Amino acid sequence: MNGNIYSQKNMSQEDVILLHLIKHGKISNKECNNIYGFTHLPSVIRYLRKKNIKIVNDPHYGKNRFGGNVYWVDYVLAPDKEQPTRIQNFISNFKLQYGTN
């Protein structure tokens, strides 16, 4: 695998986001759009959850640049011990496949 692991054109959006979660632990919709250009992270998260990968919402509240109230969610990959055994094995194999520690 050459270059940035996230630039592999043959990876699905789901694989890219799962790899990001494994490496960084969390991602927000804004980060996803800025880094990968994906415009609707919740649909990717929904797909991963349907595959029984436990991802939890970490809600945040703040102000936008105009002083208005805003709400956003960071999606956080649950620790290995909270994942089903099959998913723990899947994540381990995914790490091996993409060279992530």
PDB file of N, CA and C in Angstrom:
ATOM      1  N   MET A   1       0.841  -1.169   0.000  1.00  0.00           N
ATOM      2  CA  MET A   1       0.000   0.000   0.000  1.00  0.00           C
ATOM      3  C   MET A   1       0.891   1.238   0.000  1.00  0.00           C
ATOM      4  N   ASN A   2       0.726   2.079  -0.978  1.00  0.00           N
ATOM      5  CA  ASN A   2       1.578   3.250  -1.113  1.00  0.00           C
ATOM      6  C   ASN A   2       0.873   4.504  -0.633  1.00  0.00           C
ATOM      7  N   GLY A   3       1.636   5.458  -0.115  1.00  0.00           N
ATOM      8  CA  GLY A   3       1.106   6.769   0.220  1.00  0.00           C
ATOM      9  C   GLY A   3       0.192   6.768   1.427  1.00  0.00           C
ATOM     10  N   ASN A   4      -0.603   7.796   1.527  1.00  0.00           N
ATOM     11  CA  ASN A   4      -1.539   7.983   2.623  1.00  0.00           C
ATOM     12  C   ASN A   4      -2.612   6.905   2.575  1.00  0.00           C
ATOM     13  N   ILE A   5      -2.829   6.226   3.696  1.00  0.00           N
ATOM     14  CA  ILE A   5      -3.815   5.143   3.716  1.00  0.00           C
ATOM     15  C   ILE A   5      -5.212   5.648   3.409  1.00  0.00           C
ATOM     16  N   TYR A   6      -5.468   6.923   3.648  1.00  0.00           N
ATOM     17  CA  TYR A   6      -6.789   7.465   3.413  1.00  0.00           C
ATOM     18  C   TYR A   6      -7.000   7.867   1.963  1.00  0.00           C
ATOM     19  N   SER A   7      -5.958   7.849   1.166  1.00  0.00           N
ATOM     20  CA  SER A   7      -6.097   8.283  -0.224  1.00  0.00           C
ATOM     21  C   SER A   7      -6.318   7.116  -1.175  1.00  0.00           C
ATOM     22  N   GLN A   8      -6.464   5.924  -0.634  1.00  0.00           N
ATOM     23  CA  GLN A   8      -6.654   4.758  -1.484  1.00  0.00           C
ATOM     24  C   GLN A   8      -8.021   4.824  -2.151  1.00  0.00           C
ATOM     25  N   LYS A   9      -8.042   4.928  -3.452  1.00  0.00           N
ATOM     26  CA  LYS A   9      -9.285   5.115  -4.183  1.00  0.00           C
ATOM     27  C   LYS A   9     -10.189   3.883  -4.157  1.00  0.00           C
ATOM     28  N   ASN A  10      -9.619   2.736  -3.871  1.00  0.00           N
ATOM     29  CA  ASN A  10     -10.422   1.519  -3.870  1.00  0.00           C
ATOM     30  C   ASN A  10     -11.070   1.240  -2.514  1.00  0.00           C
ATOM     31  N   MET A  11     -10.866   2.104  -1.532  1.00  0.00           N
ATOM     32  CA  MET A  11     -11.499   1.925  -0.219  1.00  0.00           C
ATOM     33  C   MET A  11     -12.888   2.556  -0.237  1.00  0.00           C
ATOM     34  N   SER A  12     -13.838   1.879   0.379  1.00  0.00           N
ATOM     35  CA  SER A  12     -15.177   2.452   0.504  1.00  0.00           C
ATOM     36  C   SER A  12     -15.155   3.548   1.568  1.00  0.00           C
ATOM     37  N   GLN A  13     -16.181   4.382   1.567  1.00  0.00           N
ATOM     38  CA  GLN A  13     -16.293   5.409   2.608  1.00  0.00           C
ATOM     39  C   GLN A  13     -16.330   4.761   3.987  1.00  0.00           C
ATOM     40  N   GLU A  14     -17.012   3.633   4.089  1.00  0.00           N
ATOM     41  CA  GLU A  14     -17.113   2.939   5.365  1.00  0.00           C
ATOM     42  C   GLU A  14     -15.742   2.481   5.854  1.00  0.00           C
ATOM     43  N   ASP A  15     -14.923   1.944   4.936  1.00  0.00           N
ATOM     44  CA  ASP A  15     -13.578   1.505   5.303  1.00  0.00           C
ATOM     45  C   ASP A  15     -12.709   2.689   5.727  1.00  0.00           C
ATOM     46  N   VAL A  16     -12.814   3.784   5.001  1.00  0.00           N
ATOM     47  CA  VAL A  16     -12.025   4.974   5.327  1.00  0.00           C
ATOM     48  C   VAL A  16     -12.389   5.483   6.722  1.00  0.00           C
ATOM     49  N   ILE A  17     -13.673   5.557   7.015  1.00  0.00           N
ATOM     50  CA  ILE A  17     -14.108   6.064   8.321  1.00  0.00           C
ATOM     51  C   ILE A  17     -13.751   5.080   9.427  1.00  0.00           C
ATOM     52  N   LEU A  18     -13.921   3.791   9.197  1.00  0.00           N
ATOM     53  CA  LEU A  18     -13.536   2.809  10.210  1.00  0.00           C
ATOM     54  C   LEU A  18     -12.040   2.905  10.488  1.00  0.00           C
ATOM     55  N   LEU A  19     -11.245   3.034   9.466  1.00  0.00           N
ATOM     56  CA  LEU A  19      -9.798   3.174   9.648  1.00  0.00           C
ATOM     57  C   LEU A  19      -9.471   4.441  10.436  1.00  0.00           C
ATOM     58  N   HIS A  20     -10.164   5.531  10.139  1.00  0.00           N
ATOM     59  CA  HIS A  20      -9.967   6.772  10.889  1.00  0.00           C
ATOM     60  C   HIS A  20     -10.321   6.566  12.363  1.00  0.00           C
ATOM     61  N   LEU A  21     -11.465   5.922  12.612  1.00  0.00           N
ATOM     62  CA  LEU A  21     -11.883   5.673  13.992  1.00  0.00           C
ATOM     63  C   LEU A  21     -10.888   4.788  14.729  1.00  0.00           C
ATOM     64  N   ILE A  22     -10.366   3.787  14.061  1.00  0.00           N
ATOM     65  CA  ILE A  22      -9.378   2.909  14.688  1.00  0.00           C
ATOM     66  C   ILE A  22      -8.122   3.702  15.036  1.00  0.00           C
ATOM     67  N   LYS A  23      -7.698   4.547  14.126  1.00  0.00           N
ATOM     68  CA  LYS A  23      -6.458   5.295  14.328  1.00  0.00           C
ATOM     69  C   LYS A  23      -6.625   6.466  15.293  1.00  0.00           C
ATOM     70  N   HIS A  24      -7.735   7.197  15.195  1.00  0.00           N
ATOM     71  CA  HIS A  24      -7.902   8.434  15.966  1.00  0.00           C
ATOM     72  C   HIS A  24      -8.961   8.349  17.060  1.00  0.00           C
ATOM     73  N   GLY A  25      -9.808   7.338  17.027  1.00  0.00           N
ATOM     74  CA  GLY A  25     -10.808   7.147  18.070  1.00  0.00           C
ATOM     75  C   GLY A  25     -12.122   7.859  17.862  1.00  0.00           C
ATOM     76  N   LYS A  26     -12.112   9.003  17.146  1.00  0.00           N
ATOM     77  CA  LYS A  26     -13.356   9.746  16.967  1.00  0.00           C
ATOM     78  C   LYS A  26     -13.285  10.582  15.695  1.00  0.00           C
ATOM     79  N   ILE A  27     -14.472  11.037  15.254  1.00  0.00           N
ATOM     80  CA  ILE A  27     -14.559  11.924  14.097  1.00  0.00           C
ATOM     81  C   ILE A  27     -15.888  12.670  14.151  1.00  0.00           C
ATOM     82  N   SER A  28     -15.876  13.909  13.687  1.00  0.00           N
ATOM     83  CA  SER A  28     -17.108  14.698  13.572  1.00  0.00           C
ATOM     84  C   SER A  28     -17.457  14.844  12.098  1.00  0.00           C
ATOM     85  N   ASN A  29     -18.677  15.269  11.824  1.00  0.00           N
ATOM     86  CA  ASN A  29     -19.104  15.467  10.447  1.00  0.00           C
ATOM     87  C   ASN A  29     -18.231  16.521   9.757  1.00  0.00           C
ATOM     88  N   LYS A  30     -17.892  17.592  10.484  1.00  0.00           N
ATOM     89  CA  LYS A  30     -17.059  18.656   9.912  1.00  0.00           C
ATOM     90  C   LYS A  30     -15.666  18.133   9.566  1.00  0.00           C
ATOM     91  N   GLU A  31     -15.055  17.374  10.491  1.00  0.00           N
ATOM     92  CA  GLU A  31     -13.737  16.784  10.213  1.00  0.00           C
ATOM     93  C   GLU A  31     -13.803  15.881   8.993  1.00  0.00           C
ATOM     94  N   CYS A  32     -14.836  15.063   8.940  1.00  0.00           N
ATOM     95  CA  CYS A  32     -15.000  14.127   7.835  1.00  0.00           C
ATOM     96  C   CYS A  32     -15.066  14.869   6.509  1.00  0.00           C
ATOM     97  N   ASN A  33     -15.833  15.947   6.485  1.00  0.00           N
ATOM     98  CA  ASN A  33     -15.963  16.725   5.262  1.00  0.00           C
ATOM     99  C   ASN A  33     -14.638  17.393   4.904  1.00  0.00           C
ATOM    100  N   ASN A  34     -13.956  17.970   5.894  1.00  0.00           N
ATOM    101  CA  ASN A  34     -12.679  18.655   5.643  1.00  0.00           C
ATOM    102  C   ASN A  34     -11.581  17.701   5.199  1.00  0.00           C
ATOM    103  N   ILE A  35     -11.493  16.538   5.830  1.00  0.00           N
ATOM    104  CA  ILE A  35     -10.397  15.600   5.547  1.00  0.00           C
ATOM    105  C   ILE A  35     -10.672  14.754   4.310  1.00  0.00           C
ATOM    106  N   TYR A  36     -11.877  14.182   4.241  1.00  0.00           N
ATOM    107  CA  TYR A  36     -12.171  13.192   3.208  1.00  0.00           C
ATOM    108  C   TYR A  36     -13.132  13.665   2.126  1.00  0.00           C
ATOM    109  N   GLY A  37     -13.824  14.776   2.383  1.00  0.00           N
ATOM    110  CA  GLY A  37     -14.779  15.282   1.407  1.00  0.00           C
ATOM    111  C   GLY A  37     -16.116  14.567   1.428  1.00  0.00           C
ATOM    112  N   PHE A  38     -16.357  13.725   2.433  1.00  0.00           N
ATOM    113  CA  PHE A  38     -17.644  13.052   2.560  1.00  0.00           C
ATOM    114  C   PHE A  38     -18.612  14.037   3.204  1.00  0.00           C
ATOM    115  N   THR A  39     -19.792  14.178   2.624  1.00  0.00           N
ATOM    116  CA  THR A  39     -20.701  15.212   3.100  1.00  0.00           C
ATOM    117  C   THR A  39     -21.764  14.731   4.073  1.00  0.00           C
ATOM    118  N   HIS A  40     -21.912  13.430   4.253  1.00  0.00           N
ATOM    119  CA  HIS A  40     -22.936  12.958   5.186  1.00  0.00           C
ATOM    120  C   HIS A  40     -22.424  11.781   5.995  1.00  0.00           C
ATOM    121  N   LEU A  41     -21.626  12.100   6.998  1.00  0.00           N
ATOM    122  CA  LEU A  41     -21.041  11.076   7.874  1.00  0.00           C
ATOM    123  C   LEU A  41     -22.087  10.223   8.584  1.00  0.00           C
ATOM    124  N   PRO A  42     -23.227  10.776   9.033  1.00  0.00           N
ATOM    125  CA  PRO A  42     -24.181   9.921   9.745  1.00  0.00           C
ATOM    126  C   PRO A  42     -24.620   8.682   8.964  1.00  0.00           C
ATOM    127  N   SER A  43     -24.713   8.773   7.652  1.00  0.00           N
ATOM    128  CA  SER A  43     -25.108   7.589   6.884  1.00  0.00           C
ATOM    129  C   SER A  43     -24.004   6.535   6.891  1.00  0.00           C
ATOM    130  N   VAL A  44     -22.751   6.957   6.901  1.00  0.00           N
ATOM    131  CA  VAL A  44     -21.636   6.008   6.978  1.00  0.00           C
ATOM    132  C   VAL A  44     -21.624   5.351   8.356  1.00  0.00           C
ATOM    133  N   ILE A  45     -21.836   6.150   9.399  1.00  0.00           N
ATOM    134  CA  ILE A  45     -21.886   5.619  10.767  1.00  0.00           C
ATOM    135  C   ILE A  45     -23.039   4.626  10.906  1.00  0.00           C
ATOM    136  N   ARG A  46     -24.180   4.953  10.331  1.00  0.00           N
ATOM    137  CA  ARG A  46     -25.348   4.056  10.376  1.00  0.00           C
ATOM    138  C   ARG A  46     -25.001   2.706   9.740  1.00  0.00           C
ATOM    139  N   TYR A  47     -24.315   2.733   8.610  1.00  0.00           N
ATOM    140  CA  TYR A  47     -23.902   1.500   7.941  1.00  0.00           C
ATOM    141  C   TYR A  47     -22.980   0.686   8.851  1.00  0.00           C
ATOM    142  N   LEU A  48     -21.998   1.339   9.459  1.00  0.00           N
ATOM    143  CA  LEU A  48     -21.072   0.624  10.346  1.00  0.00           C
ATOM    144  C   LEU A  48     -21.807   0.034  11.545  1.00  0.00           C
ATOM    145  N   ARG A  49     -22.757   0.770  12.078  1.00  0.00           N
ATOM    146  CA  ARG A  49     -23.545   0.264  13.215  1.00  0.00           C
ATOM    147  C   ARG A  49     -24.381  -0.940  12.801  1.00  0.00           C
ATOM    148  N   LYS A  50     -24.894  -0.939  11.578  1.00  0.00           N
ATOM    149  CA  LYS A  50     -25.652  -2.104  11.095  1.00  0.00           C
ATOM    150  C   LYS A  50     -24.771  -3.342  11.019  1.00  0.00           C
ATOM    151  N   LYS A  51     -23.465  -3.122  10.886  1.00  0.00           N
ATOM    152  CA  LYS A  51     -22.503  -4.226  10.880  1.00  0.00           C
ATOM    153  C   LYS A  51     -22.098  -4.611  12.302  1.00  0.00           C
ATOM    154  N   ASN A  52     -22.804  -4.061  13.308  1.00  0.00           N
ATOM    155  CA  ASN A  52     -22.600  -4.337  14.738  1.00  0.00           C
ATOM    156  C   ASN A  52     -21.306  -3.765  15.307  1.00  0.00           C
ATOM    157  N   ILE A  53     -20.754  -2.751  14.650  1.00  0.00           N
ATOM    158  CA  ILE A  53     -19.603  -2.050  15.200  1.00  0.00           C
ATOM    159  C   ILE A  53     -20.153  -0.987  16.136  1.00  0.00           C
ATOM    160  N   LYS A  54     -19.724  -1.042  17.394  1.00  0.00           N
ATOM    161  CA  LYS A  54     -20.268  -0.117  18.385  1.00  0.00           C
ATOM    162  C   LYS A  54     -19.569   1.230  18.278  1.00  0.00           C
ATOM    163  N   ILE A  55     -20.360   2.234  17.918  1.00  0.00           N
ATOM    164  CA  ILE A  55     -19.895   3.614  17.805  1.00  0.00           C
ATOM    165  C   ILE A  55     -20.870   4.455  18.620  1.00  0.00           C
ATOM    166  N   VAL A  56     -20.344   5.250  19.542  1.00  0.00           N
ATOM    167  CA  VAL A  56     -21.206   6.051  20.408  1.00  0.00           C
ATOM    168  C   VAL A  56     -21.139   7.528  20.020  1.00  0.00           C
ATOM    169  N   ASN A  57     -22.214   8.246  20.335  1.00  0.00           N
ATOM    170  CA  ASN A  57     -22.278   9.679  20.078  1.00  0.00           C
ATOM    171  C   ASN A  57     -21.733  10.440  21.284  1.00  0.00           C
ATOM    172  N   ASP A  58     -20.899  11.420  21.035  1.00  0.00           N
ATOM    173  CA  ASP A  58     -20.380  12.316  22.068  1.00  0.00           C
ATOM    174  C   ASP A  58     -20.856  13.730  21.701  1.00  0.00           C
ATOM    175  N   PRO A  59     -21.975  14.190  22.299  1.00  0.00           N
ATOM    176  CA  PRO A  59     -22.551  15.476  21.902  1.00  0.00           C
ATOM    177  C   PRO A  59     -21.754  16.664  22.439  1.00  0.00           C
ATOM    178  N   HIS A  60     -21.748  17.738  21.659  1.00  0.00           N
ATOM    179  CA  HIS A  60     -21.072  18.984  22.036  1.00  0.00           C
ATOM    180  C   HIS A  60     -21.980  20.162  21.728  1.00  0.00           C
ATOM    181  N   TYR A  61     -21.851  21.198  22.528  1.00  0.00           N
ATOM    182  CA  TYR A  61     -22.591  22.440  22.327  1.00  0.00           C
ATOM    183  C   TYR A  61     -21.590  23.585  22.304  1.00  0.00           C
ATOM    184  N   GLY A  62     -21.836  24.571  21.474  1.00  0.00           N
ATOM    185  CA  GLY A  62     -20.934  25.707  21.394  1.00  0.00           C
ATOM    186  C   GLY A  62     -21.586  26.851  20.655  1.00  0.00           C
ATOM    187  N   LYS A  63     -20.750  27.768  20.216  1.00  0.00           N
ATOM    188  CA  LYS A  63     -21.213  28.941  19.484  1.00  0.00           C
ATOM    189  C   LYS A  63     -20.576  28.940  18.097  1.00  0.00           C
ATOM    190  N   ASN A  64     -21.338  29.410  17.114  1.00  0.00           N
ATOM    191  CA  ASN A  64     -20.765  29.557  15.782  1.00  0.00           C
ATOM    192  C   ASN A  64     -20.091  30.921  15.670  1.00  0.00           C
ATOM    193  N   ARG A  65     -19.555  31.237  14.528  1.00  0.00           N
ATOM    194  CA  ARG A  65     -18.812  32.493  14.371  1.00  0.00           C
ATOM    195  C   ARG A  65     -19.697  33.733  14.480  1.00  0.00           C
ATOM    196  N   PHE A  66     -21.008  33.538  14.437  1.00  0.00           N
ATOM    197  CA  PHE A  66     -21.939  34.656  14.577  1.00  0.00           C
ATOM    198  C   PHE A  66     -22.517  34.743  15.988  1.00  0.00           C
ATOM    199  N   GLY A  67     -22.058  33.872  16.877  1.00  0.00           N
ATOM    200  CA  GLY A  67     -22.526  33.870  18.257  1.00  0.00           C
ATOM    201  C   GLY A  67     -23.761  33.029  18.493  1.00  0.00           C
ATOM    202  N   GLY A  68     -24.235  32.353  17.465  1.00  0.00           N
ATOM    203  CA  GLY A  68     -25.408  31.492  17.617  1.00  0.00           C
ATOM    204  C   GLY A  68     -25.056  30.152  18.244  1.00  0.00           C
ATOM    205  N   ASN A  69     -26.027  29.568  18.889  1.00  0.00           N
ATOM    206  CA  ASN A  69     -25.828  28.254  19.507  1.00  0.00           C
ATOM    207  C   ASN A  69     -25.747  27.172  18.439  1.00  0.00           C
ATOM    208  N   VAL A  70     -24.815  26.250  18.611  1.00  0.00           N
ATOM    209  CA  VAL A  70     -24.671  25.126  17.690  1.00  0.00           C
ATOM    210  C   VAL A  70     -24.511  23.832  18.479  1.00  0.00           C
ATOM    211  N   TYR A  71     -24.859  22.754  17.827  1.00  0.00           N
ATOM    212  CA  TYR A  71     -24.770  21.413  18.396  1.00  0.00           C
ATOM    213  C   TYR A  71     -24.112  20.520  17.360  1.00  0.00           C
ATOM    214  N   TRP A  72     -23.186  19.672  17.791  1.00  0.00           N
ATOM    215  CA  TRP A  72     -22.596  18.691  16.897  1.00  0.00           C
ATOM    216  C   TRP A  72     -22.246  17.437  17.680  1.00  0.00           C
ATOM    217  N   VAL A  73     -21.966  16.397  16.954  1.00  0.00           N
ATOM    218  CA  VAL A  73     -21.667  15.102  17.552  1.00  0.00           C
ATOM    219  C   VAL A  73     -20.313  14.624  17.060  1.00  0.00           C
ATOM    220  N   ASP A  74     -19.496  14.139  17.985  1.00  0.00           N
ATOM    221  CA  ASP A  74     -18.317  13.362  17.615  1.00  0.00           C
ATOM    222  C   ASP A  74     -18.740  11.901  17.698  1.00  0.00           C
ATOM    223  N   TYR A  75     -18.407  11.132  16.682  1.00  0.00           N
ATOM    224  CA  TYR A  75     -18.664   9.697  16.692  1.00  0.00           C
ATOM    225  C   TYR A  75     -17.414   9.019  17.220  1.00  0.00           C
ATOM    226  N   VAL A  76     -17.579   8.221  18.268  1.00  0.00           N
ATOM    227  CA  VAL A  76     -16.448   7.622  18.980  1.00  0.00           C
ATOM    228  C   VAL A  76     -16.539   6.103  18.884  1.00  0.00           C
ATOM    229  N   LEU A  77     -15.446   5.475  18.459  1.00  0.00           N
ATOM    230  CA  LEU A  77     -15.388   4.014  18.421  1.00  0.00           C
ATOM    231  C   LEU A  77     -15.280   3.495  19.853  1.00  0.00           C
ATOM    232  N   ALA A  78     -16.211   2.644  20.236  1.00  0.00           N
ATOM    233  CA  ALA A  78     -16.186   2.076  21.581  1.00  0.00           C
ATOM    234  C   ALA A  78     -14.932   1.219  21.751  1.00  0.00           C
ATOM    235  N   PRO A  79     -14.427   1.109  22.988  1.00  0.00           N
ATOM    236  CA  PRO A  79     -13.230   0.288  23.230  1.00  0.00           C
ATOM    237  C   PRO A  79     -13.447  -1.158  22.790  1.00  0.00           C
ATOM    238  N   ASP A  80     -12.346  -1.835  22.464  1.00  0.00           N
ATOM    239  CA  ASP A  80     -12.415  -3.233  22.013  1.00  0.00           C
ATOM    240  C   ASP A  80     -13.216  -4.104  22.960  1.00  0.00           C
ATOM    241  N   LYS A  81     -13.031  -3.922  24.259  1.00  0.00           N
ATOM    242  CA  LYS A  81     -13.713  -4.797  25.226  1.00  0.00           C
ATOM    243  C   LYS A  81     -15.229  -4.639  25.181  1.00  0.00           C
ATOM    244  N   GLU A  82     -15.726  -3.513  24.636  1.00  0.00           N
ATOM    245  CA  GLU A  82     -17.173  -3.307  24.521  1.00  0.00           C
ATOM    246  C   GLU A  82     -17.727  -3.795  23.182  1.00  0.00           C
ATOM    247  N   GLN A  83     -16.843  -4.149  22.265  1.00  0.00           N
ATOM    248  CA  GLN A  83     -17.264  -4.651  20.960  1.00  0.00           C
ATOM    249  C   GLN A  83     -17.555  -6.151  21.074  1.00  0.00           C
ATOM    250  N   PRO A  84     -18.502  -6.655  20.296  1.00  0.00           N
ATOM    251  CA  PRO A  84     -18.702  -8.103  20.264  1.00  0.00           C
ATOM    252  C   PRO A  84     -17.417  -8.801  19.799  1.00  0.00           C
ATOM    253  N   THR A  85     -17.223 -10.025  20.224  1.00  0.00           N
ATOM    254  CA  THR A  85     -16.001 -10.771  19.903  1.00  0.00           C
ATOM    255  C   THR A  85     -15.749 -10.816  18.402  1.00  0.00           C
ATOM    256  N   ARG A  86     -16.786 -11.039  17.625  1.00  0.00           N
ATOM    257  CA  ARG A  86     -16.643 -11.097  16.166  1.00  0.00           C
ATOM    258  C   ARG A  86     -16.113  -9.765  15.628  1.00  0.00           C
ATOM    259  N   ILE A  87     -16.582  -8.666  16.190  1.00  0.00           N
ATOM    260  CA  ILE A  87     -16.148  -7.336  15.757  1.00  0.00           C
ATOM    261  C   ILE A  87     -14.726  -7.066  16.227  1.00  0.00           C
ATOM    262  N   GLN A  88     -14.373  -7.526  17.415  1.00  0.00           N
ATOM    263  CA  GLN A  88     -12.986  -7.389  17.889  1.00  0.00           C
ATOM    264  C   GLN A  88     -12.039  -8.059  16.898  1.00  0.00           C
ATOM    265  N   ASN A  89     -12.396  -9.255  16.463  1.00  0.00           N
ATOM    266  CA  ASN A  89     -11.565  -9.978  15.490  1.00  0.00           C
ATOM    267  C   ASN A  89     -11.531  -9.250  14.156  1.00  0.00           C
ATOM    268  N   PHE A  90     -12.679  -8.746  13.724  1.00  0.00           N
ATOM    269  CA  PHE A  90     -12.763  -7.996  12.473  1.00  0.00           C
ATOM    270  C   PHE A  90     -11.852  -6.771  12.523  1.00  0.00           C
ATOM    271  N   ILE A  91     -11.913  -6.020  13.631  1.00  0.00           N
ATOM    272  CA  ILE A  91     -11.083  -4.824  13.778  1.00  0.00           C
ATOM    273  C   ILE A  91      -9.604  -5.194  13.804  1.00  0.00           C
ATOM    274  N   SER A  92      -9.254  -6.273  14.492  1.00  0.00           N
ATOM    275  CA  SER A  92      -7.855  -6.725  14.512  1.00  0.00           C
ATOM    276  C   SER A  92      -7.362  -7.059  13.111  1.00  0.00           C
ATOM    277  N   ASN A  93      -8.176  -7.771  12.354  1.00  0.00           N
ATOM    278  CA  ASN A  93      -7.806  -8.111  10.973  1.00  0.00           C
ATOM    279  C   ASN A  93      -7.721  -6.860  10.103  1.00  0.00           C
ATOM    280  N   PHE A  94      -8.604  -5.929  10.324  1.00  0.00           N
ATOM    281  CA  PHE A  94      -8.609  -4.676   9.566  1.00  0.00           C
ATOM    282  C   PHE A  94      -7.319  -3.906   9.852  1.00  0.00           C
ATOM    283  N   LYS A  95      -6.890  -3.873  11.122  1.00  0.00           N
ATOM    284  CA  LYS A  95      -5.640  -3.213  11.494  1.00  0.00           C
ATOM    285  C   LYS A  95      -4.459  -3.864  10.798  1.00  0.00           C
ATOM    286  N   LEU A  96      -4.446  -5.184  10.771  1.00  0.00           N
ATOM    287  CA  LEU A  96      -3.355  -5.917  10.102  1.00  0.00           C
ATOM    288  C   LEU A  96      -3.346  -5.631   8.597  1.00  0.00           C
ATOM    289  N   GLN A  97      -4.521  -5.626   8.000  1.00  0.00           N
ATOM    290  CA  GLN A  97      -4.638  -5.410   6.560  1.00  0.00           C
ATOM    291  C   GLN A  97      -4.122  -4.040   6.152  1.00  0.00           C
ATOM    292  N   TYR A  98      -4.410  -3.028   6.982  1.00  0.00           N
ATOM    293  CA  TYR A  98      -4.048  -1.659   6.615  1.00  0.00           C
ATOM    294  C   TYR A  98      -2.844  -1.127   7.387  1.00  0.00           C
ATOM    295  N   GLY A  99      -2.160  -2.002   8.114  1.00  0.00           N
ATOM    296  CA  GLY A  99      -0.923  -1.612   8.777  1.00  0.00           C
ATOM    297  C   GLY A  99      -1.095  -0.589   9.872  1.00  0.00           C
ATOM    298  N   THR A 100      -2.209  -0.637  10.564  1.00  0.00           N
ATOM    299  CA  THR A 100      -2.477   0.300  11.653  1.00  0.00           C
ATOM    300  C   THR A 100      -2.237  -0.403  12.973  1.00  0.00           C
ATOM    301  N   ASN A 101      -1.569   0.285  13.891  1.00  0.00           N
ATOM    302  CA  ASN A 101      -1.315  -0.300  15.215  1.00  0.00           C
ATOM    303  C   ASN A 101      -2.217   0.304  16.251  1.00  0.00           C
TER     304      ASN A 101
END
